[in-house]
N, C-alpha and C. Protein backbone atom coordinates (compact mmCIF):
# COMPACT_ATOMS: atom_id res chain seq x y z
N UNK A 1 66.72 -11.69 -27.23
CA UNK A 1 67.30 -11.81 -28.55
C UNK A 1 67.49 -13.30 -28.84
N UNK A 2 66.97 -13.77 -29.97
CA UNK A 2 67.16 -15.18 -30.31
C UNK A 2 68.64 -15.55 -30.37
N UNK A 3 68.93 -16.77 -29.97
CA UNK A 3 70.32 -17.24 -29.87
C UNK A 3 71.07 -17.13 -31.19
N UNK A 4 70.41 -17.42 -32.30
CA UNK A 4 71.09 -17.37 -33.60
C UNK A 4 71.63 -15.96 -33.88
N UNK A 5 70.87 -14.93 -33.53
CA UNK A 5 71.32 -13.56 -33.74
C UNK A 5 72.41 -13.18 -32.75
N UNK A 6 72.27 -13.63 -31.50
CA UNK A 6 73.31 -13.35 -30.49
C UNK A 6 74.64 -13.93 -30.94
N UNK A 7 74.60 -15.15 -31.44
CA UNK A 7 75.83 -15.82 -31.88
C UNK A 7 76.48 -15.05 -33.03
N UNK A 8 75.67 -14.60 -33.98
CA UNK A 8 76.22 -13.85 -35.11
C UNK A 8 76.85 -12.54 -34.65
N UNK A 9 76.20 -11.85 -33.71
CA UNK A 9 76.74 -10.60 -33.18
C UNK A 9 78.04 -10.84 -32.44
N UNK A 10 78.09 -11.91 -31.63
CA UNK A 10 79.31 -12.23 -30.90
C UNK A 10 80.44 -12.56 -31.86
N UNK A 11 80.13 -13.34 -32.89
CA UNK A 11 81.14 -13.73 -33.87
C UNK A 11 81.73 -12.51 -34.57
N UNK A 12 80.89 -11.53 -34.85
CA UNK A 12 81.36 -10.33 -35.55
C UNK A 12 81.96 -9.30 -34.59
N UNK A 13 81.91 -9.58 -33.28
CA UNK A 13 82.50 -8.66 -32.31
C UNK A 13 81.64 -7.45 -32.01
N UNK A 14 80.37 -7.50 -32.37
CA UNK A 14 79.45 -6.38 -32.12
C UNK A 14 78.84 -6.54 -30.74
N UNK A 15 79.00 -5.53 -29.89
CA UNK A 15 78.37 -5.61 -28.57
C UNK A 15 77.37 -4.49 -28.33
N UNK A 16 77.30 -3.55 -29.24
CA UNK A 16 76.33 -2.45 -29.13
C UNK A 16 75.45 -2.45 -30.37
N UNK A 17 74.16 -2.28 -30.14
CA UNK A 17 73.18 -2.19 -31.21
C UNK A 17 72.49 -0.85 -31.13
N UNK A 18 72.00 -0.38 -32.25
CA UNK A 18 71.21 0.84 -32.30
C UNK A 18 69.82 0.44 -32.74
N UNK A 19 68.81 0.85 -31.97
CA UNK A 19 67.43 0.55 -32.30
C UNK A 19 66.71 1.85 -32.67
N UNK A 20 65.97 1.77 -33.77
CA UNK A 20 65.15 2.90 -34.18
C UNK A 20 63.87 2.38 -34.81
N UNK A 21 62.91 3.27 -34.95
CA UNK A 21 61.68 2.93 -35.64
C UNK A 21 61.99 2.84 -37.13
N UNK A 22 61.38 1.87 -37.80
CA UNK A 22 61.59 1.72 -39.23
C UNK A 22 61.03 2.93 -39.97
N UNK A 23 61.62 3.26 -41.08
CA UNK A 23 61.21 4.42 -41.87
C UNK A 23 59.90 4.14 -42.61
N UNK A 24 59.67 2.89 -43.00
CA UNK A 24 58.54 2.57 -43.88
C UNK A 24 57.39 1.84 -43.20
N UNK A 25 57.67 1.04 -42.17
CA UNK A 25 56.64 0.20 -41.58
C UNK A 25 56.68 0.27 -40.06
N UNK A 26 55.62 -0.23 -39.44
CA UNK A 26 55.53 -0.22 -37.98
C UNK A 26 56.28 -1.41 -37.38
N UNK A 27 57.59 -1.33 -37.46
CA UNK A 27 58.44 -2.31 -36.80
C UNK A 27 59.65 -1.57 -36.26
N UNK A 28 60.42 -2.25 -35.43
CA UNK A 28 61.65 -1.69 -34.89
C UNK A 28 62.81 -2.35 -35.59
N UNK A 29 63.90 -1.62 -35.74
CA UNK A 29 65.06 -2.16 -36.43
C UNK A 29 66.28 -2.04 -35.53
N UNK A 30 67.02 -3.15 -35.41
CA UNK A 30 68.26 -3.18 -34.66
C UNK A 30 69.42 -3.22 -35.65
N UNK A 31 70.32 -2.28 -35.51
CA UNK A 31 71.51 -2.22 -36.35
C UNK A 31 72.74 -2.46 -35.47
N UNK A 32 73.66 -3.32 -35.89
CA UNK A 32 74.94 -3.34 -35.19
C UNK A 32 75.57 -1.95 -35.31
N UNK A 33 76.30 -1.54 -34.30
CA UNK A 33 76.87 -0.19 -34.28
C UNK A 33 77.65 0.13 -35.55
N UNK A 34 78.44 -0.82 -36.04
CA UNK A 34 79.24 -0.56 -37.25
C UNK A 34 78.35 -0.32 -38.47
N UNK A 35 77.25 -1.04 -38.58
CA UNK A 35 76.32 -0.86 -39.70
C UNK A 35 75.64 0.50 -39.58
N UNK A 36 75.22 0.84 -38.37
CA UNK A 36 74.59 2.14 -38.13
C UNK A 36 75.54 3.27 -38.52
N UNK A 37 76.78 3.19 -38.08
CA UNK A 37 77.76 4.23 -38.39
C UNK A 37 77.94 4.40 -39.89
N UNK A 38 77.98 3.30 -40.62
CA UNK A 38 78.12 3.35 -42.08
C UNK A 38 76.90 3.99 -42.72
N UNK A 39 75.70 3.64 -42.23
CA UNK A 39 74.47 4.23 -42.78
C UNK A 39 74.43 5.73 -42.53
N UNK A 40 74.78 6.15 -41.32
CA UNK A 40 74.75 7.57 -40.99
C UNK A 40 75.77 8.32 -41.84
N UNK A 41 76.95 7.76 -42.01
CA UNK A 41 77.98 8.40 -42.85
C UNK A 41 77.49 8.53 -44.29
N UNK A 42 76.86 7.47 -44.80
CA UNK A 42 76.35 7.50 -46.17
C UNK A 42 75.28 8.56 -46.34
N UNK A 43 74.36 8.63 -45.40
CA UNK A 43 73.30 9.64 -45.47
C UNK A 43 73.89 11.03 -45.36
N UNK A 44 74.80 11.19 -44.44
CA UNK A 44 75.41 12.50 -44.19
C UNK A 44 76.12 13.04 -45.44
N UNK A 45 76.78 12.17 -46.19
CA UNK A 45 77.49 12.62 -47.39
C UNK A 45 76.54 13.03 -48.51
N UNK A 46 75.29 12.59 -48.46
CA UNK A 46 74.31 12.94 -49.49
C UNK A 46 73.51 14.20 -49.16
N UNK A 47 73.68 14.70 -47.96
CA UNK A 47 72.91 15.85 -47.51
C UNK A 47 73.81 17.05 -47.30
N UNK A 48 73.25 18.22 -47.51
CA UNK A 48 74.00 19.46 -47.32
C UNK A 48 73.68 20.06 -45.95
N UNK A 49 74.71 20.45 -45.27
CA UNK A 49 74.54 21.12 -43.98
C UNK A 49 73.84 22.47 -44.17
N UNK A 50 73.89 23.02 -45.36
CA UNK A 50 73.36 24.36 -45.62
C UNK A 50 72.00 24.33 -46.30
N UNK A 51 71.33 23.18 -46.23
CA UNK A 51 70.00 23.04 -46.79
C UNK A 51 69.05 22.64 -45.66
N UNK A 52 68.02 23.46 -45.45
CA UNK A 52 67.11 23.25 -44.32
C UNK A 52 66.47 21.87 -44.36
N UNK A 53 65.95 21.48 -45.51
CA UNK A 53 65.28 20.18 -45.64
C UNK A 53 66.25 19.03 -45.37
N UNK A 54 67.47 19.14 -45.90
CA UNK A 54 68.49 18.11 -45.66
C UNK A 54 68.78 17.98 -44.17
N UNK A 55 68.87 19.10 -43.49
CA UNK A 55 69.13 19.07 -42.05
C UNK A 55 67.97 18.42 -41.30
N UNK A 56 66.75 18.71 -41.73
CA UNK A 56 65.59 18.09 -41.09
C UNK A 56 65.58 16.58 -41.31
N UNK A 57 65.92 16.16 -42.51
CA UNK A 57 65.98 14.72 -42.81
C UNK A 57 67.01 14.05 -41.91
N UNK A 58 68.20 14.63 -41.86
CA UNK A 58 69.26 14.04 -41.04
C UNK A 58 68.87 14.02 -39.57
N UNK A 59 68.34 15.12 -39.08
CA UNK A 59 67.94 15.22 -37.68
C UNK A 59 66.91 14.15 -37.33
N UNK A 60 65.91 14.00 -38.19
CA UNK A 60 64.86 13.02 -37.92
C UNK A 60 65.41 11.60 -37.97
N UNK A 61 66.33 11.36 -38.88
CA UNK A 61 66.89 10.01 -39.01
C UNK A 61 67.71 9.61 -37.79
N UNK A 62 68.49 10.53 -37.25
CA UNK A 62 69.37 10.18 -36.13
C UNK A 62 68.75 10.43 -34.76
N UNK A 63 67.56 11.02 -34.73
CA UNK A 63 66.91 11.23 -33.44
C UNK A 63 66.05 10.03 -33.10
N UNK A 64 65.62 9.99 -31.87
CA UNK A 64 64.74 8.92 -31.41
C UNK A 64 65.31 7.53 -31.64
N UNK A 65 66.55 7.36 -31.30
CA UNK A 65 67.13 6.03 -31.35
C UNK A 65 67.59 5.66 -29.96
N UNK A 66 67.78 4.37 -29.76
CA UNK A 66 68.19 3.86 -28.47
C UNK A 66 69.40 2.95 -28.68
N UNK A 67 70.44 3.16 -27.88
CA UNK A 67 71.59 2.25 -27.91
C UNK A 67 71.27 1.06 -27.02
N UNK A 68 71.51 -0.12 -27.52
CA UNK A 68 71.14 -1.37 -26.85
C UNK A 68 72.40 -2.18 -26.56
N UNK A 69 72.48 -2.68 -25.34
CA UNK A 69 73.50 -3.65 -24.97
C UNK A 69 72.76 -4.83 -24.34
N UNK A 70 73.06 -6.01 -24.82
CA UNK A 70 72.39 -7.20 -24.29
C UNK A 70 72.92 -7.52 -22.90
N UNK A 71 72.05 -8.02 -22.03
CA UNK A 71 72.52 -8.46 -20.71
C UNK A 71 73.14 -9.85 -20.85
N UNK A 72 73.56 -10.43 -19.76
CA UNK A 72 74.23 -11.72 -19.79
C UNK A 72 73.39 -12.85 -20.34
N UNK A 73 72.08 -12.69 -20.32
CA UNK A 73 71.17 -13.70 -20.86
C UNK A 73 70.67 -13.36 -22.26
N UNK A 74 71.25 -12.33 -22.88
CA UNK A 74 70.85 -11.96 -24.23
C UNK A 74 69.55 -11.18 -24.29
N UNK A 75 69.19 -10.54 -23.18
CA UNK A 75 67.94 -9.78 -23.14
C UNK A 75 68.23 -8.28 -23.22
N UNK A 76 67.22 -7.53 -23.62
CA UNK A 76 67.29 -6.08 -23.62
C UNK A 76 65.88 -5.53 -23.47
N UNK A 77 65.79 -4.30 -23.01
CA UNK A 77 64.50 -3.66 -22.82
C UNK A 77 64.17 -2.75 -24.00
N UNK A 78 62.92 -2.81 -24.42
CA UNK A 78 62.43 -1.92 -25.46
C UNK A 78 61.60 -0.85 -24.75
N UNK A 79 61.95 0.43 -24.93
CA UNK A 79 61.17 1.49 -24.28
C UNK A 79 59.69 1.44 -24.68
N UNK A 80 58.84 1.79 -23.74
CA UNK A 80 57.39 1.70 -23.94
C UNK A 80 56.91 2.46 -25.18
N UNK A 81 57.40 3.69 -25.45
CA UNK A 81 56.92 4.38 -26.67
C UNK A 81 57.24 3.61 -27.96
N UNK A 82 58.33 2.88 -27.96
CA UNK A 82 58.69 2.08 -29.13
C UNK A 82 57.75 0.88 -29.25
N UNK A 83 57.45 0.25 -28.12
CA UNK A 83 56.51 -0.87 -28.13
C UNK A 83 55.14 -0.43 -28.67
N UNK A 84 54.69 0.72 -28.21
CA UNK A 84 53.40 1.23 -28.65
C UNK A 84 53.42 1.55 -30.14
N UNK A 85 54.47 2.18 -30.61
CA UNK A 85 54.56 2.56 -32.02
C UNK A 85 54.54 1.32 -32.93
N UNK A 86 55.21 0.26 -32.49
CA UNK A 86 55.28 -0.97 -33.29
C UNK A 86 54.10 -1.90 -33.01
N UNK A 87 53.14 -1.43 -32.20
CA UNK A 87 51.94 -2.22 -31.87
C UNK A 87 52.30 -3.54 -31.18
N UNK A 88 53.34 -3.51 -30.37
CA UNK A 88 53.73 -4.69 -29.61
C UNK A 88 53.13 -4.54 -28.22
N UNK A 89 52.16 -5.41 -27.92
CA UNK A 89 51.49 -5.28 -26.64
C UNK A 89 51.54 -6.56 -25.81
N UNK A 90 52.29 -7.53 -26.26
CA UNK A 90 52.44 -8.75 -25.48
C UNK A 90 53.89 -9.22 -25.59
N UNK A 91 54.15 -10.39 -25.08
CA UNK A 91 55.51 -10.93 -25.09
C UNK A 91 55.87 -11.62 -26.40
N UNK A 92 54.91 -11.73 -27.31
CA UNK A 92 55.14 -12.43 -28.56
C UNK A 92 55.61 -11.45 -29.65
N UNK A 93 56.84 -11.58 -30.03
CA UNK A 93 57.40 -10.75 -31.10
C UNK A 93 58.10 -11.65 -32.10
N UNK A 94 58.27 -11.13 -33.30
CA UNK A 94 59.01 -11.84 -34.34
C UNK A 94 60.29 -11.07 -34.62
N UNK A 95 61.39 -11.77 -34.64
CA UNK A 95 62.67 -11.22 -35.04
C UNK A 95 62.94 -11.71 -36.46
N UNK A 96 63.20 -10.78 -37.38
CA UNK A 96 63.45 -11.14 -38.76
C UNK A 96 64.81 -10.58 -39.17
N UNK A 97 65.72 -11.46 -39.53
CA UNK A 97 67.04 -11.03 -40.00
C UNK A 97 66.91 -10.47 -41.40
N UNK A 98 67.39 -9.25 -41.58
CA UNK A 98 67.28 -8.57 -42.88
C UNK A 98 68.66 -8.13 -43.34
N UNK A 99 69.50 -9.09 -43.69
CA UNK A 99 70.85 -8.84 -44.18
C UNK A 99 71.73 -8.30 -43.06
N UNK A 100 71.83 -6.98 -42.92
CA UNK A 100 72.75 -6.41 -41.93
C UNK A 100 72.03 -5.79 -40.74
N UNK A 101 70.74 -6.10 -40.59
CA UNK A 101 69.98 -5.60 -39.45
C UNK A 101 68.94 -6.64 -39.04
N UNK A 102 68.29 -6.38 -37.92
CA UNK A 102 67.26 -7.28 -37.40
C UNK A 102 65.99 -6.46 -37.17
N UNK A 103 64.89 -6.92 -37.75
CA UNK A 103 63.61 -6.25 -37.53
C UNK A 103 62.87 -6.95 -36.38
N UNK A 104 62.15 -6.14 -35.60
CA UNK A 104 61.32 -6.66 -34.52
C UNK A 104 59.88 -6.28 -34.82
N UNK A 105 59.02 -7.29 -34.94
CA UNK A 105 57.64 -7.11 -35.32
C UNK A 105 56.71 -7.64 -34.24
N UNK A 106 55.56 -7.05 -34.12
CA UNK A 106 54.49 -7.62 -33.31
C UNK A 106 54.09 -8.93 -33.97
N UNK A 107 53.85 -9.95 -33.17
CA UNK A 107 53.43 -11.23 -33.75
C UNK A 107 52.09 -11.13 -34.46
N UNK A 108 51.31 -10.10 -34.14
CA UNK A 108 50.00 -9.91 -34.76
C UNK A 108 50.06 -9.08 -36.04
N UNK A 109 51.19 -8.50 -36.35
CA UNK A 109 51.29 -7.58 -37.48
C UNK A 109 51.60 -8.36 -38.76
N UNK A 110 50.69 -8.32 -39.71
CA UNK A 110 50.87 -9.01 -40.99
C UNK A 110 51.56 -8.13 -42.02
N UNK A 111 51.90 -6.91 -41.64
CA UNK A 111 52.53 -5.96 -42.56
C UNK A 111 53.91 -6.44 -43.03
N UNK A 112 54.53 -7.35 -42.26
CA UNK A 112 55.87 -7.83 -42.61
C UNK A 112 55.87 -8.71 -43.85
N UNK A 113 54.73 -9.30 -44.16
CA UNK A 113 54.66 -10.25 -45.26
C UNK A 113 53.71 -9.76 -46.35
N UNK A 114 54.06 -10.07 -47.59
CA UNK A 114 53.18 -9.76 -48.71
C UNK A 114 52.17 -10.90 -48.88
N UNK A 115 51.06 -10.59 -49.54
CA UNK A 115 50.13 -11.62 -49.96
C UNK A 115 50.91 -12.61 -50.84
N UNK A 116 50.69 -13.92 -50.69
CA UNK A 116 51.47 -14.90 -51.47
C UNK A 116 51.43 -14.67 -52.98
N UNK A 117 50.27 -14.32 -53.53
CA UNK A 117 50.19 -14.08 -54.98
C UNK A 117 50.98 -12.82 -55.37
N UNK A 118 50.86 -11.78 -54.55
CA UNK A 118 51.59 -10.55 -54.80
C UNK A 118 53.10 -10.80 -54.70
N UNK A 119 53.50 -11.61 -53.71
CA UNK A 119 54.91 -11.93 -53.52
C UNK A 119 55.47 -12.69 -54.72
N UNK A 120 54.75 -13.71 -55.18
CA UNK A 120 55.27 -14.50 -56.30
C UNK A 120 55.40 -13.65 -57.55
N UNK A 121 54.44 -12.75 -57.78
CA UNK A 121 54.50 -11.86 -58.95
C UNK A 121 55.67 -10.89 -58.82
N UNK A 122 55.82 -10.31 -57.64
CA UNK A 122 56.92 -9.37 -57.42
C UNK A 122 58.27 -10.06 -57.58
N UNK A 123 58.41 -11.28 -57.04
CA UNK A 123 59.66 -12.02 -57.15
C UNK A 123 59.94 -12.38 -58.61
N UNK A 124 58.90 -12.75 -59.33
CA UNK A 124 59.05 -13.05 -60.75
C UNK A 124 59.54 -11.82 -61.50
N UNK A 125 58.97 -10.66 -61.19
CA UNK A 125 59.39 -9.42 -61.85
C UNK A 125 60.85 -9.09 -61.52
N UNK A 126 61.21 -9.24 -60.29
CA UNK A 126 62.58 -8.91 -59.87
C UNK A 126 63.60 -9.87 -60.49
N UNK A 127 63.24 -11.13 -60.55
CA UNK A 127 64.20 -12.14 -61.01
C UNK A 127 64.09 -12.48 -62.49
N UNK A 128 63.25 -11.77 -63.22
CA UNK A 128 63.07 -12.08 -64.64
C UNK A 128 64.35 -11.83 -65.42
N UNK A 129 64.42 -12.43 -66.59
CA UNK A 129 65.59 -12.30 -67.45
C UNK A 129 65.79 -10.88 -67.95
N UNK A 130 64.74 -10.06 -67.87
CA UNK A 130 64.85 -8.67 -68.34
C UNK A 130 65.65 -7.80 -67.40
N UNK A 131 65.88 -8.29 -66.19
CA UNK A 131 66.65 -7.53 -65.21
C UNK A 131 68.12 -7.86 -65.36
N UNK A 132 68.95 -6.95 -64.93
CA UNK A 132 70.40 -7.17 -64.94
C UNK A 132 70.72 -8.27 -63.93
N UNK A 133 71.50 -9.25 -64.34
CA UNK A 133 71.88 -10.34 -63.44
C UNK A 133 73.14 -9.94 -62.68
N UNK A 134 73.19 -10.41 -61.43
CA UNK A 134 74.39 -10.14 -60.60
C UNK A 134 75.49 -11.13 -60.89
């Protein structure tokens, strides 16, 4: 785990992380335990226990996760099936801070970034005056 992320986790008092496969892309996502708990609570309140599809959604979301605790040197092991799913086959990975979570990408995977022209157009659309300002 890069030192900058370790320091932020220590400062916030987080010592347990939850790792799962991303819902949309072939990367792994690390959530501090408190963030994970909030996400699960939010999802749970939107789903009905008495609806089969809702139960399947919830089950799939909370299954196949791994609780992570960093060792004294800030290291952790990623299970082999997760490495394979994220196409991580060497020691080179990218850690990307995404607000309240950390994504782990194969250094060879370009899926994390948009084409520069596509990105500038999308950012222009998002930030245009026609959108509600925060």
